[in-house]
Amino acid sequence: MTKLQTITLGFVLLFSSLSFAQDTKPEEVKNIMKKVADWQIEHFRDAFTYENPHHPLDWTNGALYVGMVKWAEMAEDDTYYVWLKTIGELNDWKLHSRTYHADDHTVGQFYLDLYKKFGDKKMLNPTQEQFNFILYHPANTSLKWQSPYHQSRWNWCDALFMSPPVWAKLYNITGELKYLDFMMTEFKATTDFLFDKDENLYYRDESYMGKLDNGTKIFWSRGNGWVFAGLANIMNELDPKSDEYQYFKGLFEKMAAKLLKIQTPEGHWAMSLLGQEFYPTPETSGTSFYVYGLAWGINHGILDKKTYGPAVDKAWKALVGHVNKEGMLGYVQPIGAAPGKAWPDKTEVYGAGAFLSAGTEVYKLYGGK
């Protein structure tokens, strides 16, 4: 091949890999993210699934904070950091009430992200103290569903978003291997129990194993979204050359390949991942987590841009189409544990958090700095 042919081929490959994003500008991504973030802060105490507002330290809000702190980093406006710091200060930087339950660890992610930025020990100490207690008093419960004290360990797939990234962040901050080792042991135990190696997807929990919905295995979209986004958040804290990173990378690649195959023609992922014909309604929380993970994978050189970029673009445009003129993200499935229903005029805080996480990576993918 001549030098001219090599250069020409390079340009062809470059433009073919970028062509999917040429009609969406980074500033458009940033603008819609701001709209969603501002609306959600204004409606922070509104409840959509139940009658009463969520506790500020509940996992629902924890997932919002995970996305909001990512948005704050790129917003060029301290408003969002001030809002997050206020929440931490009002709650003395403590985790929620249950010592072992992964859901109640979720807020630790934004506490530790703020610690990384501001270096204030009060943002770190309560989480570290509680996790030290867990290290020296580990739960010895079964991963089987509804066994005694079963949720003291990560026996439902949502948990892999909620708690493991906090352990990974503690390891990153302190350099102490005990946090990494605990996280790896428990994550592997959960994966060995819930991961279907034939489908490369996670069961929500043991109770869904062996069950069929309209003849298909039941793999809940948001449940697998929790896992997929959690993998990216964990790998953010690890050395890419480490064995631990490679373990998570392997799971991530398997899930990504499966997700690419089962994306709907409209761009979203069905609430029952293998049963899209039976669940045609869009669902934006699971889809947002997939967009976040896939875009993150491309941006970190794990996933091929030419292969996965069009899927991200299609899904992002679908998500944006479900943000109303005020900034509310619709079609967020209510709190649950299985495929169900969603509506264009109903949302939830974790949906906005997932959307903001997605936007931070889509912004970079589209050329934002």
Protein backbone atom coordinates (compact mmCIF):
# COMPACT_ATOMS: atom_id res chain seq x y z
CA MET A 1 0.00 0.00 0.00
CA THR A 2 1.37 3.43 -0.93
CA LYS A 3 1.74 6.24 1.58
CA LEU A 4 -1.11 8.13 -0.11
CA GLN A 5 -3.37 5.08 0.10
CA THR A 6 -2.53 4.65 3.76
CA ILE A 7 -3.38 8.27 4.52
CA THR A 8 -6.60 8.06 2.51
CA LEU A 9 -7.65 4.88 4.32
CA GLY A 10 -6.92 6.54 7.65
CA PHE A 11 -9.22 9.44 6.81
CA VAL A 12 -11.95 7.09 5.66
CA LEU A 13 -11.80 5.14 8.92
CA LEU A 14 -11.66 8.31 10.96
CA PHE A 15 -14.70 9.89 9.35
CA SER A 16 -16.69 6.66 9.34
CA SER A 17 -16.14 6.37 13.08
CA LEU A 18 -17.11 9.99 13.70
CA SER A 19 -20.00 10.35 11.29
CA PHE A 20 -22.61 9.13 13.78
CA ALA A 21 -22.01 12.15 16.03
CA GLN A 22 -21.67 14.96 13.52
CA ASP A 23 -25.24 16.21 13.88
CA THR A 24 -25.08 16.57 17.69
CA LYS A 25 -22.92 19.29 19.23
CA PRO A 26 -21.32 18.96 22.67
CA GLU A 27 -23.01 22.16 23.83
CA GLU A 28 -26.40 20.66 23.02
CA VAL A 29 -25.60 17.79 25.36
CA LYS A 30 -24.51 20.21 28.06
CA ASN A 31 -27.63 22.34 27.67
CA ILE A 32 -30.04 19.43 28.06
CA MET A 33 -28.07 18.14 31.05
CA LYS A 34 -28.36 21.52 32.77
CA LYS A 35 -32.08 21.57 32.07
CA VAL A 36 -32.56 18.13 33.64
CA ALA A 37 -30.28 18.91 36.60
CA ASP A 38 -32.01 22.21 37.37
CA TRP A 39 -35.48 20.71 37.12
CA GLN A 40 -34.54 17.83 39.40
CA ILE A 41 -33.03 20.09 42.04
CA GLU A 42 -36.15 22.26 41.97
CA HIS A 43 -38.31 19.14 42.40
CA PHE A 44 -35.94 17.30 44.73
CA ARG A 45 -38.54 16.63 47.42
CA ASP A 46 -41.27 15.58 45.01
CA ALA A 47 -42.09 11.87 45.18
CA PHE A 48 -43.35 9.96 42.18
CA THR A 49 -43.40 6.30 43.18
CA TYR A 50 -44.78 6.67 46.70
CA GLU A 51 -46.74 9.33 48.55
CA ASN A 52 -43.89 10.47 50.80
CA PRO A 53 -40.64 12.05 49.64
CA HIS A 54 -37.54 9.90 49.70
CA HIS A 55 -35.15 10.34 52.59
CA PRO A 56 -32.17 12.45 51.43
CA LEU A 57 -29.86 9.48 52.09
CA ASP A 58 -32.06 6.89 50.37
CA TRP A 59 -30.59 4.94 47.46
CA THR A 60 -32.96 6.70 45.07
CA ASN A 61 -31.37 10.03 45.86
CA GLY A 62 -27.96 8.40 46.12
CA ALA A 63 -28.18 7.48 42.45
CA LEU A 64 -29.15 11.07 41.67
CA TYR A 65 -26.09 12.36 43.53
CA VAL A 66 -23.81 9.96 41.62
CA GLY A 67 -24.90 11.62 38.38
CA MET A 68 -25.11 15.12 39.84
CA VAL A 69 -21.51 15.10 41.06
CA LYS A 70 -20.38 14.07 37.57
CA TRP A 71 -22.41 16.95 36.16
CA ALA A 72 -21.01 19.38 38.75
CA GLU A 73 -17.49 18.61 37.54
CA MET A 74 -18.30 19.80 34.01
CA ALA A 75 -20.95 22.45 34.73
CA GLU A 76 -18.60 25.44 35.26
CA ASP A 77 -21.03 26.56 37.94
CA ASP A 78 -20.47 25.96 41.66
CA THR A 79 -24.24 25.82 42.26
CA TYR A 80 -24.25 22.06 41.99
CA TYR A 81 -21.30 21.49 44.30
CA VAL A 82 -22.92 23.82 46.85
CA TRP A 83 -26.16 21.84 46.63
CA LEU A 84 -24.37 18.52 47.11
CA LYS A 85 -22.23 19.83 49.97
CA THR A 86 -25.34 21.13 51.71
CA ILE A 87 -26.91 17.68 51.61
CA GLY A 88 -23.78 16.14 53.08
CA GLU A 89 -23.50 18.74 55.80
CA LEU A 90 -27.16 18.47 56.82
CA ASN A 91 -26.67 14.72 57.26
CA ASP A 92 -23.25 14.90 58.95
CA TRP A 93 -21.74 13.00 56.01
CA LYS A 94 -23.20 9.76 57.34
CA LEU A 95 -24.45 6.84 55.30
CA HIS A 96 -28.10 5.83 55.61
CA SER A 97 -29.42 3.78 58.52
CA ARG A 98 -28.67 0.13 57.69
CA THR A 99 -25.06 -0.83 58.38
CA TYR A 100 -24.70 -3.65 55.84
CA HIS A 101 -27.37 -2.94 53.24
CA ALA A 102 -25.81 -1.87 49.92
CA ASP A 103 -28.62 0.58 49.15
CA ASP A 104 -27.70 2.59 52.22
CA HIS A 105 -24.08 2.88 51.07
CA THR A 106 -24.91 4.62 47.77
CA VAL A 107 -24.51 8.18 49.07
CA GLY A 108 -20.93 7.34 49.99
CA GLN A 109 -20.02 7.65 46.33
CA PHE A 110 -20.69 11.37 46.18
CA TYR A 111 -19.23 11.94 49.66
CA LEU A 112 -15.93 10.45 48.55
CA ASP A 113 -15.99 12.28 45.22
CA LEU A 114 -16.40 15.53 47.13
CA TYR A 115 -13.59 14.50 49.46
CA LYS A 116 -11.33 14.02 46.45
CA LYS A 117 -12.12 17.55 45.34
CA PHE A 118 -12.17 19.42 48.64
CA GLY A 119 -9.98 17.27 50.90
CA ASP A 120 -12.23 17.72 53.94
CA LYS A 121 -11.86 14.69 56.23
CA LYS A 122 -15.40 15.04 57.56
CA MET A 123 -16.61 14.00 54.09
CA LEU A 124 -14.59 10.78 54.36
CA ASN A 125 -14.45 9.67 57.97
CA PRO A 126 -18.01 8.39 58.63
CA THR A 127 -17.97 6.16 55.53
CA GLN A 128 -14.51 4.84 56.28
CA GLU A 129 -15.43 4.09 59.90
CA GLN A 130 -18.56 2.19 58.89
CA PHE A 131 -16.74 0.19 56.24
CA ASN A 132 -13.98 -0.64 58.72
CA PHE A 133 -16.66 -2.05 61.00
CA ILE A 134 -18.00 -4.20 58.14
CA LEU A 135 -14.48 -5.42 57.36
CA TYR A 136 -14.01 -6.68 60.91
CA HIS A 137 -17.59 -7.91 61.32
CA PRO A 138 -18.40 -9.31 57.86
CA ALA A 139 -21.83 -10.72 57.15
CA ASN A 140 -21.77 -14.48 56.77
CA THR A 141 -25.26 -14.73 55.35
CA SER A 142 -26.40 -16.68 52.31
CA LEU A 143 -26.83 -15.16 48.86
CA LYS A 144 -30.07 -17.09 48.47
CA TRP A 145 -33.11 -14.85 48.24
CA GLN A 146 -35.19 -14.44 51.41
CA SER A 147 -32.79 -16.38 53.59
CA PRO A 148 -32.16 -14.77 57.01
CA TYR A 149 -30.52 -11.33 56.76
CA HIS A 150 -29.83 -12.08 53.10
CA GLN A 151 -29.45 -8.46 52.00
CA SER A 152 -26.55 -7.95 54.36
CA ARG A 153 -24.57 -9.15 51.31
CA TRP A 154 -24.90 -8.22 47.64
CA ASN A 155 -27.44 -10.83 46.62
CA TRP A 156 -29.45 -8.65 44.23
CA CYS A 157 -27.86 -7.15 41.14
CA ASP A 158 -28.77 -3.52 41.97
CA ALA A 159 -26.37 -3.78 44.89
CA LEU A 160 -23.42 -3.91 42.50
CA PHE A 161 -24.03 -0.26 41.66
CA MET A 162 -24.73 0.86 45.20
CA SER A 163 -21.86 -0.37 47.36
CA PRO A 164 -18.83 -1.71 45.39
CA PRO A 165 -17.88 1.69 43.89
CA VAL A 166 -17.65 3.10 47.44
CA TRP A 167 -15.20 0.36 48.40
CA ALA A 168 -13.23 1.04 45.22
CA LYS A 169 -13.11 4.76 45.98
CA LEU A 170 -11.91 4.08 49.53
CA TYR A 171 -9.14 1.93 48.11
CA ASN A 172 -8.21 4.64 45.61
CA ILE A 173 -8.13 7.34 48.30
CA THR A 174 -6.30 5.41 51.03
CA GLY A 175 -4.27 2.91 49.02
CA GLU A 176 -5.27 0.24 51.55
CA LEU A 177 -5.72 -3.15 49.89
CA LYS A 178 -8.21 -4.34 52.49
CA TYR A 179 -10.97 -2.30 50.84
CA LEU A 180 -10.16 -3.64 47.38
CA ASP A 181 -9.87 -7.22 48.60
CA PHE A 182 -13.24 -7.14 50.35
CA MET A 183 -14.92 -5.63 47.31
CA MET A 184 -13.41 -8.20 44.96
CA THR A 185 -14.39 -11.16 47.12
CA GLU A 186 -18.00 -10.06 47.48
CA PHE A 187 -18.39 -8.91 43.88
CA LYS A 188 -17.12 -12.22 42.55
CA ALA A 189 -19.44 -14.15 44.87
CA THR A 190 -22.44 -12.18 43.61
CA THR A 191 -21.41 -12.58 39.99
CA ASP A 192 -20.85 -16.31 40.34
CA PHE A 193 -24.37 -16.52 41.77
CA LEU A 194 -26.38 -14.14 39.53
CA PHE A 195 -24.55 -13.90 36.19
CA ASP A 196 -25.99 -16.02 33.37
CA LYS A 197 -22.98 -17.07 31.30
CA ASP A 198 -25.15 -18.03 28.32
CA GLU A 199 -26.82 -14.63 28.10
CA ASN A 200 -24.06 -12.47 29.64
CA LEU A 201 -26.65 -10.73 31.79
CA TYR A 202 -27.48 -10.67 35.50
CA TYR A 203 -30.60 -11.99 37.16
CA ARG A 204 -32.07 -9.43 39.51
CA ASP A 205 -31.92 -12.02 42.30
CA GLU A 206 -32.29 -15.76 42.84
CA SER A 207 -36.10 -15.59 42.69
CA TYR A 208 -35.99 -14.89 38.93
CA MET A 209 -33.80 -17.85 38.03
CA GLY A 210 -35.66 -20.48 36.06
CA LYS A 211 -38.70 -18.28 35.51
CA LEU A 212 -39.93 -17.22 32.08
CA ASP A 213 -41.92 -14.19 30.95
CA ASN A 214 -43.69 -14.80 27.65
CA GLY A 215 -41.21 -17.60 27.05
CA THR A 216 -38.09 -15.52 27.69
CA LYS A 217 -35.68 -15.43 30.62
CA ILE A 218 -36.30 -12.44 32.87
CA PHE A 219 -33.45 -9.96 32.77
CA TRP A 220 -34.61 -6.61 34.11
CA SER A 221 -33.33 -3.63 32.18
CA ARG A 222 -32.65 -1.26 35.07
CA GLY A 223 -31.20 -4.11 37.12
CA ASN A 224 -28.59 -4.82 34.48
CA GLY A 225 -28.18 -1.08 34.02
CA TRP A 226 -27.21 -0.79 37.67
CA VAL A 227 -24.53 -3.42 37.12
CA PHE A 228 -23.21 -2.01 33.85
CA ALA A 229 -22.90 1.54 35.19
CA GLY A 230 -21.42 0.19 38.40
CA LEU A 231 -18.69 -1.59 36.46
CA ALA A 232 -17.65 1.70 34.86
CA ASN A 233 -17.70 3.50 38.21
CA ILE A 234 -15.53 0.80 39.76
CA MET A 235 -13.02 0.76 36.91
CA ASN A 236 -12.71 4.54 37.22
CA GLU A 237 -10.97 3.90 40.54
CA LEU A 238 -8.58 1.15 39.48
CA ASP A 239 -5.27 0.87 37.65
CA PRO A 240 -6.07 -0.33 34.10
CA LYS A 241 -3.04 -2.62 34.29
CA SER A 242 -4.24 -4.38 37.44
CA ASP A 243 -5.77 -7.85 37.55
CA GLU A 244 -8.82 -6.41 39.26
CA TYR A 245 -9.44 -3.95 36.44
CA GLN A 246 -9.09 -6.73 33.89
CA TYR A 247 -11.69 -8.81 35.74
CA PHE A 248 -14.26 -6.03 35.55
CA LYS A 249 -13.27 -5.21 31.98
CA GLY A 250 -14.02 -8.78 30.95
CA LEU A 251 -17.53 -8.62 32.42
CA PHE A 252 -18.06 -5.18 30.91
CA GLU A 253 -17.11 -6.33 27.40
CA LYS A 254 -19.41 -9.34 27.59
CA MET A 255 -22.36 -7.25 28.70
CA ALA A 256 -21.65 -4.55 26.12
CA ALA A 257 -21.64 -7.05 23.27
CA LYS A 258 -24.98 -8.45 24.44
CA LEU A 259 -26.51 -5.00 24.85
CA LEU A 260 -25.53 -4.07 21.32
CA LYS A 261 -27.46 -7.07 20.00
CA ILE A 262 -30.67 -6.42 21.92
CA GLN A 263 -31.07 -2.65 21.57
CA THR A 264 -34.53 -1.85 20.20
CA PRO A 265 -34.96 -0.19 16.78
CA GLU A 266 -36.20 2.93 18.62
CA GLY A 267 -32.91 3.19 20.50
CA HIS A 268 -33.88 2.24 24.04
CA TRP A 269 -33.60 -1.11 25.82
CA ALA A 270 -36.77 -3.00 26.70
CA MET A 271 -37.73 -3.36 30.35
CA SER A 272 -37.36 -7.12 29.88
CA LEU A 273 -34.14 -7.22 27.91
CA LEU A 274 -34.92 -10.38 25.96
CA GLY A 275 -38.63 -9.63 25.52
CA GLN A 276 -38.81 -6.35 23.67
CA GLU A 277 -41.89 -7.38 21.67
CA PHE A 278 -43.78 -7.78 24.96
CA TYR A 279 -42.46 -4.54 26.51
CA PRO A 280 -42.58 -1.89 23.77
CA THR A 281 -42.85 1.06 26.17
CA PRO A 282 -39.63 3.13 26.38
CA GLU A 283 -37.78 3.07 29.70
CA THR A 284 -35.22 5.75 30.39
CA SER A 285 -33.44 4.78 33.61
CA GLY A 286 -32.02 1.50 32.32
CA THR A 287 -31.31 3.04 28.93
CA SER A 288 -29.48 5.97 30.56
CA PHE A 289 -27.22 3.59 32.45
CA TYR A 290 -26.45 1.70 29.24
CA VAL A 291 -25.65 4.93 27.40
CA TYR A 292 -23.36 5.94 30.24
CA GLY A 293 -21.54 2.62 30.23
CA LEU A 294 -21.21 2.28 26.47
CA ALA A 295 -20.02 5.87 25.99
CA TRP A 296 -17.62 5.46 28.92
CA GLY A 297 -16.29 2.28 27.32
CA ILE A 298 -15.64 4.05 24.02
CA ASN A 299 -14.03 7.04 25.74
CA HIS A 300 -11.69 4.74 27.68
CA GLY A 301 -10.64 2.71 24.66
CA ILE A 302 -12.39 -0.48 25.75
CA LEU A 303 -15.15 -0.46 23.13
CA ASP A 304 -14.72 0.24 19.43
CA LYS A 305 -16.21 3.61 18.50
CA LYS A 306 -17.25 2.55 15.03
CA THR A 307 -19.10 -0.46 16.39
CA TYR A 308 -20.72 1.02 19.48
CA GLY A 309 -20.95 4.72 18.62
CA PRO A 310 -24.13 4.47 16.51
CA ALA A 311 -25.89 2.60 19.34
CA VAL A 312 -24.97 5.33 21.81
CA ASP A 313 -26.09 8.03 19.40
CA LYS A 314 -29.45 6.39 18.75
CA ALA A 315 -30.06 5.80 22.46
CA TRP A 316 -29.03 9.31 23.49
CA LYS A 317 -31.38 10.86 20.96
CA ALA A 318 -34.18 8.63 22.25
CA LEU A 319 -33.48 9.78 25.81
CA VAL A 320 -33.43 13.46 24.87
CA GLY A 321 -36.76 12.95 23.15
CA HIS A 322 -38.27 11.99 26.52
CA VAL A 323 -37.18 15.19 28.32
CA ASN A 324 -40.11 17.59 28.43
CA LYS A 325 -39.88 21.33 27.93
CA GLU A 326 -39.43 21.98 31.66
CA GLY A 327 -36.59 19.47 31.97
CA MET A 328 -38.34 16.43 33.44
CA LEU A 329 -37.13 13.08 32.16
CA GLY A 330 -40.16 10.92 31.45
CA TYR A 331 -40.65 7.17 31.02
CA VAL A 332 -38.66 6.34 34.16
CA GLN A 333 -39.94 3.03 35.51
CA PRO A 334 -41.08 3.39 39.13
CA ILE A 335 -39.29 1.62 41.97
CA GLY A 336 -39.47 -2.12 41.40
CA ALA A 337 -37.48 -5.26 40.79
CA ALA A 338 -38.76 -6.55 37.46
CA PRO A 339 -40.05 -5.46 34.05
CA GLY A 340 -43.19 -3.36 34.34
CA LYS A 341 -44.67 -0.10 33.12
CA ALA A 342 -43.50 3.48 32.58
CA TRP A 343 -45.28 6.67 31.59
CA PRO A 344 -44.24 9.84 29.74
CA ASP A 345 -45.36 12.12 32.58
CA LYS A 346 -43.74 10.21 35.47
CA THR A 347 -40.15 10.27 36.60
CA GLU A 348 -37.89 9.41 39.53
CA VAL A 349 -34.73 10.93 40.95
CA TYR A 350 -32.55 7.95 40.02
CA GLY A 351 -33.61 8.39 36.38
CA ALA A 352 -32.25 11.93 36.37
CA GLY A 353 -29.05 10.71 38.01
CA ALA A 354 -28.60 8.05 35.35
CA PHE A 355 -29.28 10.60 32.61
CA LEU A 356 -26.68 13.00 34.01
CA SER A 357 -24.11 10.19 34.20
CA ALA A 358 -24.86 9.34 30.58
CA GLY A 359 -24.58 12.94 29.48
CA THR A 360 -21.11 13.39 30.95
CA GLU A 361 -19.73 10.59 28.77
CA VAL A 362 -21.78 11.47 25.67
CA TYR A 363 -20.46 15.04 25.94
CA LYS A 364 -16.89 13.73 25.80
CA LEU A 365 -17.76 11.32 23.00
CA TYR A 366 -19.12 14.18 20.91
CA GLY A 367 -15.93 16.18 21.36
CA GLY A 368 -16.60 18.15 24.54
CA LYS A 369 -13.63 19.08 26.68
